[in-house]
Amino acid sequence: MTAILRPEVTGGTLTEAELDAVAGYRRNRRAAVKARPSGTSRRREQHLIRATRDLGHDLAVAGGETSPAVEHSRAEIARLRGRVADRPPSG
């Protein structure tokens, strides 16, 4: 999972903590949920981790290439963060 999602971290879709949460153990998932940004609910952070796992699955099925399912997963992650998928993150 780490090898599949590493390009998404360098591309800015995911953070290093989210990658650790998805590819790591339960302890890593719990740490990512606890370290969420201020104003973000636990539930939203858990949905974000689940969407990241879905992105990894879609990338594996697509062989690392961009497909409609991969684009949908990236858009879902952007939606959960509250930003438009085409815009780069601000700040």
C-alpha atoms as a PDB file:
ATOM      1  CA  MET A   1       0.000   0.000   0.000  1.00  0.00           C
ATOM      2  CA  THR A   2       2.866   2.354   0.779  1.00  0.00           C
ATOM      3  CA  ALA A   3       4.428   1.889  -2.645  1.00  0.00           C
ATOM      4  CA  ILE A   4       1.102   2.468  -4.377  1.00  0.00           C
ATOM      5  CA  LEU A   5       0.178   5.627  -2.463  1.00  0.00           C
ATOM      6  CA  ARG A   6       3.640   7.256  -2.175  1.00  0.00           C
ATOM      7  CA  PRO A   7       3.172   9.252  -5.442  1.00  0.00           C
ATOM      8  CA  GLU A   8      -0.084  10.638  -4.032  1.00  0.00           C
ATOM      9  CA  VAL A   9       1.852  12.087  -1.084  1.00  0.00           C
ATOM     10  CA  THR A  10       4.408  13.739  -3.346  1.00  0.00           C
ATOM     11  CA  GLY A  11       1.567  15.002  -5.544  1.00  0.00           C
ATOM     12  CA  GLY A  12      -0.202  16.594  -2.577  1.00  0.00           C
ATOM     13  CA  THR A  13      -3.328  14.445  -2.566  1.00  0.00           C
ATOM     14  CA  LEU A  14      -2.396  12.796   0.746  1.00  0.00           C
ATOM     15  CA  THR A  15      -0.349  13.705   3.760  1.00  0.00           C
ATOM     16  CA  GLU A  16       2.384  11.565   5.256  1.00  0.00           C
ATOM     17  CA  ALA A  17       0.222  10.933   8.338  1.00  0.00           C
ATOM     18  CA  GLU A  18      -2.648   9.665   6.169  1.00  0.00           C
ATOM     19  CA  LEU A  19      -0.290   7.348   4.326  1.00  0.00           C
ATOM     20  CA  ASP A  20       0.963   5.995   7.648  1.00  0.00           C
ATOM     21  CA  ALA A  21      -2.622   5.549   8.839  1.00  0.00           C
ATOM     22  CA  VAL A  22      -3.633   3.561   5.776  1.00  0.00           C
ATOM     23  CA  ALA A  23      -0.478   1.474   5.385  1.00  0.00           C
ATOM     24  CA  GLY A  24       0.286   1.056   9.077  1.00  0.00           C
ATOM     25  CA  TYR A  25      -1.284  -0.647  12.031  1.00  0.00           C
ATOM     26  CA  ARG A  26      -4.355   0.255  14.064  1.00  0.00           C
ATOM     27  CA  ARG A  27      -2.141   2.374  16.311  1.00  0.00           C
ATOM     28  CA  ASN A  28      -1.208   4.515  13.271  1.00  0.00           C
ATOM     29  CA  ARG A  29      -4.870   4.986  12.324  1.00  0.00           C
ATOM     30  CA  ARG A  30      -5.740   6.055  15.847  1.00  0.00           C
ATOM     31  CA  ALA A  31      -2.807   8.497  15.923  1.00  0.00           C
ATOM     32  CA  ALA A  32      -3.923  10.048  12.618  1.00  0.00           C
ATOM     33  CA  VAL A  33      -7.468  10.511  13.890  1.00  0.00           C
ATOM     34  CA  LYS A  34      -6.199  12.102  17.101  1.00  0.00           C
ATOM     35  CA  ALA A  35      -3.829  14.414  15.192  1.00  0.00           C
ATOM     36  CA  ARG A  36      -6.556  15.749  12.910  1.00  0.00           C
ATOM     37  CA  PRO A  37      -6.656  19.487  12.151  1.00  0.00           C
ATOM     38  CA  SER A  38      -8.564  21.719  14.513  1.00  0.00           C
ATOM     39  CA  GLY A  39     -12.258  21.833  13.657  1.00  0.00           C
ATOM     40  CA  THR A  40     -12.251  18.441  11.939  1.00  0.00           C
ATOM     41  CA  SER A  41     -14.492  15.813  13.475  1.00  0.00           C
ATOM     42  CA  ARG A  42     -13.322  12.290  14.253  1.00  0.00           C
ATOM     43  CA  ARG A  43     -15.956  10.945  11.911  1.00  0.00           C
ATOM     44  CA  ARG A  44     -14.731  13.081   8.997  1.00  0.00           C
ATOM     45  CA  GLU A  45     -11.145  12.010   9.630  1.00  0.00           C
ATOM     46  CA  GLN A  46     -12.202   8.350   9.690  1.00  0.00           C
ATOM     47  CA  HIS A  47     -14.047   8.843   6.397  1.00  0.00           C
ATOM     48  CA  LEU A  48     -10.916  10.427   4.968  1.00  0.00           C
ATOM     49  CA  ILE A  49      -8.830   7.408   5.964  1.00  0.00           C
ATOM     50  CA  ARG A  50     -11.406   5.095   4.401  1.00  0.00           C
ATOM     51  CA  ALA A  51     -11.404   7.169   1.190  1.00  0.00           C
ATOM     52  CA  THR A  52      -7.605   6.976   1.130  1.00  0.00           C
ATOM     53  CA  ARG A  53      -7.810   3.194   1.392  1.00  0.00           C
ATOM     54  CA  ASP A  54     -10.286   3.204  -1.517  1.00  0.00           C
ATOM     55  CA  LEU A  55      -7.868   5.329  -3.554  1.00  0.00           C
ATOM     56  CA  GLY A  56      -5.116   2.773  -2.938  1.00  0.00           C
ATOM     57  CA  HIS A  57      -7.399  -0.020  -4.082  1.00  0.00           C
ATOM     58  CA  ASP A  58      -8.436   1.887  -7.212  1.00  0.00           C
ATOM     59  CA  LEU A  59      -4.807   2.666  -8.058  1.00  0.00           C
ATOM     60  CA  ALA A  60      -3.872  -0.995  -7.654  1.00  0.00           C
ATOM     61  CA  VAL A  61      -6.683  -2.098  -9.956  1.00  0.00           C
ATOM     62  CA  ALA A  62      -5.713   0.554 -12.525  1.00  0.00           C
ATOM     63  CA  GLY A  63      -2.051  -0.459 -12.400  1.00  0.00           C
ATOM     64  CA  GLY A  64      -0.948   2.925 -11.078  1.00  0.00           C
ATOM     65  CA  GLU A  65      -2.514   4.805 -13.967  1.00  0.00           C
ATOM     66  CA  THR A  66      -5.269   7.395 -13.809  1.00  0.00           C
ATOM     67  CA  SER A  67      -8.734   5.974 -14.390  1.00  0.00           C
ATOM     68  CA  PRO A  68     -12.250   7.288 -13.743  1.00  0.00           C
ATOM     69  CA  ALA A  69     -12.327   5.384 -10.445  1.00  0.00           C
ATOM     70  CA  VAL A  70      -9.006   6.925  -9.373  1.00  0.00           C
ATOM     71  CA  GLU A  71     -10.214  10.415 -10.287  1.00  0.00           C
ATOM     72  CA  HIS A  72     -13.408   9.801  -8.321  1.00  0.00           C
ATOM     73  CA  SER A  73     -11.420   8.715  -5.256  1.00  0.00           C
ATOM     74  CA  ARG A  74      -9.194  11.795  -5.466  1.00  0.00           C
ATOM     75  CA  ALA A  75     -12.264  14.013  -5.775  1.00  0.00           C
ATOM     76  CA  GLU A  76     -13.797  12.306  -2.739  1.00  0.00           C
ATOM     77  CA  ILE A  77     -10.684  13.023  -0.668  1.00  0.00           C
ATOM     78  CA  ALA A  78     -10.783  16.655  -1.786  1.00  0.00           C
ATOM     79  CA  ARG A  79     -14.486  16.852  -0.929  1.00  0.00           C
ATOM     80  CA  LEU A  80     -13.876  15.483   2.551  1.00  0.00           C
ATOM     81  CA  ARG A  81     -11.200  18.108   3.078  1.00  0.00           C
ATOM     82  CA  GLY A  82     -13.622  20.788   1.937  1.00  0.00           C
ATOM     83  CA  ARG A  83     -11.743  21.977  -1.102  1.00  0.00           C
ATOM     84  CA  VAL A  84     -12.272  21.731  -4.836  1.00  0.00           C
ATOM     85  CA  ALA A  85     -10.348  18.883  -6.474  1.00  0.00           C
ATOM     86  CA  ASP A  86      -8.826  21.087  -9.208  1.00  0.00           C
ATOM     87  CA  ARG A  87      -7.380  23.660  -6.796  1.00  0.00           C
ATOM     88  CA  PRO A  88      -4.073  23.076  -5.037  1.00  0.00           C
ATOM     89  CA  PRO A  89      -4.204  23.287  -1.229  1.00  0.00           C
ATOM     90  CA  SER A  90      -3.777  26.790   0.152  1.00  0.00           C
ATOM     91  CA  GLY A  91      -1.176  27.541   2.771  1.00  0.00           C
END
